[in-house]
Amino acid sequence: MGWWLSKEDEWSFEKIIEYLRNHDVVYVGSDSKYFSSHVRYASAIAVYRNPGVTYWYTSKRAYGVPGDISTRIWTEVNDSMELAWKIQEILPGIQVVVHCDINSDPRFASYRFNQPVRGYVTGCGFSYVNKPAAWCASGCADNHTK
């Protein structure tokens, strides 16, 4: 799976890990978009640097899978958690913050996943952030689901 800093700049996961060695905190997030023939998932790994944010993204298309919100949210969360575990395994001293594209406003459908996902992420020892503050998921990853 390729990771992209820009459309012309592909990175390996190992190269990203080397870059992350110079940081104390890393952010991961995933998002998805349903299309009639498939679901597009995207994940991002991000760090703050002066000035701004640097992030890498990857995306995939899933054919023949349900496009309902429950399947998509849990796939996004599992993709982010897989990244979080891999990063923490290689860099045990780094803080991993998991951004989830889950709304904090009960008027939105994703809100019902807020508590179970918070419990899952924090129970695994990671920091949990949801919308509107989940910029890595709803900003970085979202840009690459379209």
C-alpha atoms as a PDB file:
ATOM      1  CA  MET A   1       0.000   0.000   0.000  1.00  0.00           C
ATOM      2  CA  GLY A   2       1.435   3.364  -0.990  1.00  0.00           C
ATOM      3  CA  TRP A   3       1.402   6.440   1.189  1.00  0.00           C
ATOM      4  CA  TRP A   4       1.328   9.829  -0.448  1.00  0.00           C
ATOM      5  CA  LEU A   5       2.619  13.177   0.755  1.00  0.00           C
ATOM      6  CA  SER A   6       1.332  14.651  -2.506  1.00  0.00           C
ATOM      7  CA  LYS A   7       0.179  13.136  -5.797  1.00  0.00           C
ATOM      8  CA  GLU A   8       3.780  13.077  -7.013  1.00  0.00           C
ATOM      9  CA  ASP A   9       5.501  12.069  -3.755  1.00  0.00           C
ATOM     10  CA  GLU A  10       4.976   8.440  -2.671  1.00  0.00           C
ATOM     11  CA  TRP A  11       6.438   7.302   0.655  1.00  0.00           C
ATOM     12  CA  SER A  12       6.814   3.855   2.193  1.00  0.00           C
ATOM     13  CA  PHE A  13       5.439   3.224   5.671  1.00  0.00           C
ATOM     14  CA  GLU A  14       9.031   2.658   6.846  1.00  0.00           C
ATOM     15  CA  LYS A  15      10.088   6.086   5.549  1.00  0.00           C
ATOM     16  CA  ILE A  16       7.154   7.701   7.390  1.00  0.00           C
ATOM     17  CA  ILE A  17       8.211   5.915  10.590  1.00  0.00           C
ATOM     18  CA  GLU A  18      11.710   7.368  10.231  1.00  0.00           C
ATOM     19  CA  TYR A  19      10.196  10.843   9.865  1.00  0.00           C
ATOM     20  CA  LEU A  20       7.986  10.279  12.934  1.00  0.00           C
ATOM     21  CA  ARG A  21      11.024   9.461  15.111  1.00  0.00           C
ATOM     22  CA  ASN A  22      11.587  13.229  15.444  1.00  0.00           C
ATOM     23  CA  HIS A  23       8.089  13.867  16.874  1.00  0.00           C
ATOM     24  CA  ASP A  24       6.394  13.291  20.215  1.00  0.00           C
ATOM     25  CA  VAL A  25       2.798  13.145  18.961  1.00  0.00           C
ATOM     26  CA  VAL A  26       1.286  11.624  15.826  1.00  0.00           C
ATOM     27  CA  TYR A  27      -2.322  11.807  14.677  1.00  0.00           C
ATOM     28  CA  VAL A  28      -4.164   9.136  12.707  1.00  0.00           C
ATOM     29  CA  GLY A  29      -7.605   9.316  11.168  1.00  0.00           C
ATOM     30  CA  SER A  30      -9.760   7.680   8.525  1.00  0.00           C
ATOM     31  CA  ASP A  31     -12.848   8.585   6.550  1.00  0.00           C
ATOM     32  CA  SER A  32     -15.048   7.032   3.871  1.00  0.00           C
ATOM     33  CA  LYS A  33     -17.477   7.920   1.138  1.00  0.00           C
ATOM     34  CA  TYR A  34     -20.166   5.709  -0.345  1.00  0.00           C
ATOM     35  CA  PHE A  35     -20.511   5.498  -4.127  1.00  0.00           C
ATOM     36  CA  SER A  36     -23.079   3.360  -5.941  1.00  0.00           C
ATOM     37  CA  SER A  37     -20.489   0.738  -6.939  1.00  0.00           C
ATOM     38  CA  HIS A  38     -18.039   0.892  -4.024  1.00  0.00           C
ATOM     39  CA  VAL A  39     -16.933   2.579  -0.820  1.00  0.00           C
ATOM     40  CA  ARG A  40     -13.751   4.625  -0.878  1.00  0.00           C
ATOM     41  CA  TYR A  41     -11.763   4.617   2.368  1.00  0.00           C
ATOM     42  CA  ALA A  42      -8.860   6.913   3.125  1.00  0.00           C
ATOM     43  CA  SER A  43      -6.507   7.065   6.093  1.00  0.00           C
ATOM     44  CA  ALA A  44      -4.039   9.721   7.146  1.00  0.00           C
ATOM     45  CA  ILE A  45      -1.003   9.959   9.407  1.00  0.00           C
ATOM     46  CA  ALA A  46      -0.211  13.518  10.477  1.00  0.00           C
ATOM     47  CA  VAL A  47       2.244  15.523  12.582  1.00  0.00           C
ATOM     48  CA  TYR A  48       2.492  19.164  13.497  1.00  0.00           C
ATOM     49  CA  ARG A  49       5.563  20.906  12.222  1.00  0.00           C
ATOM     50  CA  ASN A  50       6.471  24.550  12.122  1.00  0.00           C
ATOM     51  CA  PRO A  51       4.521  25.950  10.354  1.00  0.00           C
ATOM     52  CA  GLY A  52       1.460  23.790   9.931  1.00  0.00           C
ATOM     53  CA  VAL A  53       0.762  20.101   9.510  1.00  0.00           C
ATOM     54  CA  THR A  54       2.454  17.439   7.414  1.00  0.00           C
ATOM     55  CA  TYR A  55       0.357  14.405   6.539  1.00  0.00           C
ATOM     56  CA  TRP A  56       0.502  11.285   4.414  1.00  0.00           C
ATOM     57  CA  TYR A  57      -2.555   9.513   3.074  1.00  0.00           C
ATOM     58  CA  THR A  58      -3.547   6.252   1.515  1.00  0.00           C
ATOM     59  CA  SER A  59      -6.853   5.259  -0.028  1.00  0.00           C
ATOM     60  CA  LYS A  60      -8.586   2.123  -1.197  1.00  0.00           C
ATOM     61  CA  ARG A  61     -11.812   1.139  -2.888  1.00  0.00           C
ATOM     62  CA  ALA A  62     -13.923  -1.636  -1.430  1.00  0.00           C
ATOM     63  CA  TYR A  63     -16.323  -3.339  -3.828  1.00  0.00           C
ATOM     64  CA  GLY A  64     -19.229  -5.543  -2.800  1.00  0.00           C
ATOM     65  CA  VAL A  65     -19.293  -4.253   0.773  1.00  0.00           C
ATOM     66  CA  PRO A  66     -22.186  -2.623   2.602  1.00  0.00           C
ATOM     67  CA  GLY A  67     -22.238   1.157   2.434  1.00  0.00           C
ATOM     68  CA  ASP A  68     -24.296   1.662   5.590  1.00  0.00           C
ATOM     69  CA  ILE A  69     -23.011   4.043   8.237  1.00  0.00           C
ATOM     70  CA  SER A  70     -22.316   1.336  10.818  1.00  0.00           C
ATOM     71  CA  THR A  71     -20.074  -0.691   8.502  1.00  0.00           C
ATOM     72  CA  ARG A  72     -18.285   2.410   7.273  1.00  0.00           C
ATOM     73  CA  ILE A  73     -17.687   3.925  10.752  1.00  0.00           C
ATOM     74  CA  TRP A  74     -16.335   0.679  12.204  1.00  0.00           C
ATOM     75  CA  THR A  75     -14.118   0.094   9.159  1.00  0.00           C
ATOM     76  CA  GLU A  76     -12.748   3.642   9.499  1.00  0.00           C
ATOM     77  CA  VAL A  77     -12.091   3.124  13.203  1.00  0.00           C
ATOM     78  CA  ASN A  78     -10.448  -0.260  12.622  1.00  0.00           C
ATOM     79  CA  ASP A  79      -8.236   1.193   9.869  1.00  0.00           C
ATOM     80  CA  SER A  80      -7.138   3.981  12.228  1.00  0.00           C
ATOM     81  CA  MET A  81      -6.561   1.590  15.118  1.00  0.00           C
ATOM     82  CA  GLU A  82      -4.456  -0.702  12.933  1.00  0.00           C
ATOM     83  CA  LEU A  83      -2.275   2.292  12.088  1.00  0.00           C
ATOM     84  CA  ALA A  84      -2.112   3.383  15.719  1.00  0.00           C
ATOM     85  CA  TRP A  85      -0.998  -0.090  16.838  1.00  0.00           C
ATOM     86  CA  LYS A  86       1.655  -0.336  14.099  1.00  0.00           C
ATOM     87  CA  ILE A  87       3.090   3.078  14.922  1.00  0.00           C
ATOM     88  CA  GLN A  88       3.107   2.442  18.669  1.00  0.00           C
ATOM     89  CA  GLU A  89       4.696  -0.976  18.217  1.00  0.00           C
ATOM     90  CA  ILE A  90       7.605   0.508  16.278  1.00  0.00           C
ATOM     91  CA  LEU A  91       7.802   3.785  18.236  1.00  0.00           C
ATOM     92  CA  PRO A  92       6.616   2.936  21.769  1.00  0.00           C
ATOM     93  CA  GLY A  93       7.489   6.375  23.162  1.00  0.00           C
ATOM     94  CA  ILE A  94       5.302   8.353  20.768  1.00  0.00           C
ATOM     95  CA  GLN A  95       1.799   9.527  21.715  1.00  0.00           C
ATOM     96  CA  VAL A  96      -0.784   8.413  19.148  1.00  0.00           C
ATOM     97  CA  VAL A  97      -4.002  10.415  18.931  1.00  0.00           C
ATOM     98  CA  VAL A  98      -6.851   8.750  17.029  1.00  0.00           C
ATOM     99  CA  HIS A  99      -9.180  11.161  15.233  1.00  0.00           C
ATOM    100  CA  CYS A 100     -12.580   9.684  14.387  1.00  0.00           C
ATOM    101  CA  ASP A 101     -15.089  11.100  11.931  1.00  0.00           C
ATOM    102  CA  ILE A 102     -17.872  10.811  14.491  1.00  0.00           C
ATOM    103  CA  ASN A 103     -20.056  13.756  15.339  1.00  0.00           C
ATOM    104  CA  SER A 104     -20.415  15.076  18.889  1.00  0.00           C
ATOM    105  CA  ASP A 105     -23.833  16.509  17.980  1.00  0.00           C
ATOM    106  CA  PRO A 106     -26.736  14.075  18.601  1.00  0.00           C
ATOM    107  CA  ARG A 107     -28.593  15.435  15.559  1.00  0.00           C
ATOM    108  CA  PHE A 108     -26.193  13.518  13.281  1.00  0.00           C
ATOM    109  CA  ALA A 109     -26.309   9.785  12.513  1.00  0.00           C
ATOM    110  CA  SER A 110     -22.693   9.112  13.485  1.00  0.00           C
ATOM    111  CA  TYR A 111     -23.306  10.377  17.034  1.00  0.00           C
ATOM    112  CA  ARG A 112     -24.604   6.972  18.166  1.00  0.00           C
ATOM    113  CA  PHE A 113     -21.103   5.552  17.668  1.00  0.00           C
ATOM    114  CA  ASN A 114     -19.419   8.172  19.856  1.00  0.00           C
ATOM    115  CA  GLN A 115     -19.440   6.313  23.188  1.00  0.00           C
ATOM    116  CA  PRO A 116     -18.633   2.795  21.917  1.00  0.00           C
ATOM    117  CA  VAL A 117     -15.771   4.064  19.745  1.00  0.00           C
ATOM    118  CA  ARG A 118     -14.441   6.294  22.548  1.00  0.00           C
ATOM    119  CA  GLY A 119     -14.399   3.239  24.825  1.00  0.00           C
ATOM    120  CA  TYR A 120     -12.613   1.119  22.232  1.00  0.00           C
ATOM    121  CA  VAL A 121      -9.944   3.705  21.413  1.00  0.00           C
ATOM    122  CA  THR A 122      -9.235   4.810  24.997  1.00  0.00           C
ATOM    123  CA  GLY A 123      -9.474   1.233  26.258  1.00  0.00           C
ATOM    124  CA  CYS A 124      -6.603   0.396  23.917  1.00  0.00           C
ATOM    125  CA  GLY A 125      -4.566   3.216  25.434  1.00  0.00           C
ATOM    126  CA  PHE A 126      -4.876   5.861  22.720  1.00  0.00           C
ATOM    127  CA  SER A 127      -6.270   9.383  22.903  1.00  0.00           C
ATOM    128  CA  TYR A 128      -9.664   9.818  21.225  1.00  0.00           C
ATOM    129  CA  VAL A 129     -10.846  12.928  19.373  1.00  0.00           C
ATOM    130  CA  ASN A 130     -14.147  13.285  17.503  1.00  0.00           C
ATOM    131  CA  LYS A 131     -15.776  16.019  15.416  1.00  0.00           C
ATOM    132  CA  PRO A 132     -15.485  18.937  15.242  1.00  0.00           C
ATOM    133  CA  ALA A 133     -11.877  18.667  16.480  1.00  0.00           C
ATOM    134  CA  ALA A 134     -10.993  15.485  14.524  1.00  0.00           C
ATOM    135  CA  TRP A 135      -9.161  17.327  11.728  1.00  0.00           C
ATOM    136  CA  CYS A 136      -6.998  14.355  10.719  1.00  0.00           C
ATOM    137  CA  ALA A 137     -10.114  12.299   9.868  1.00  0.00           C
ATOM    138  CA  SER A 138     -12.592  14.941   8.757  1.00  0.00           C
ATOM    139  CA  GLY A 139      -9.971  17.109   7.058  1.00  0.00           C
ATOM    140  CA  CYS A 140      -6.904  15.201   5.879  1.00  0.00           C
ATOM    141  CA  ALA A 141      -8.461  11.774   5.192  1.00  0.00           C
ATOM    142  CA  ASP A 142     -11.745  13.245   3.949  1.00  0.00           C
ATOM    143  CA  ASN A 143      -9.907  15.117   1.186  1.00  0.00           C
ATOM    144  CA  HIS A 144      -8.913  11.779  -0.351  1.00  0.00           C
ATOM    145  CA  THR A 145     -12.271   9.975  -0.305  1.00  0.00           C
ATOM    146  CA  LYS A 146     -13.725  11.982  -3.171  1.00  0.00           C
END
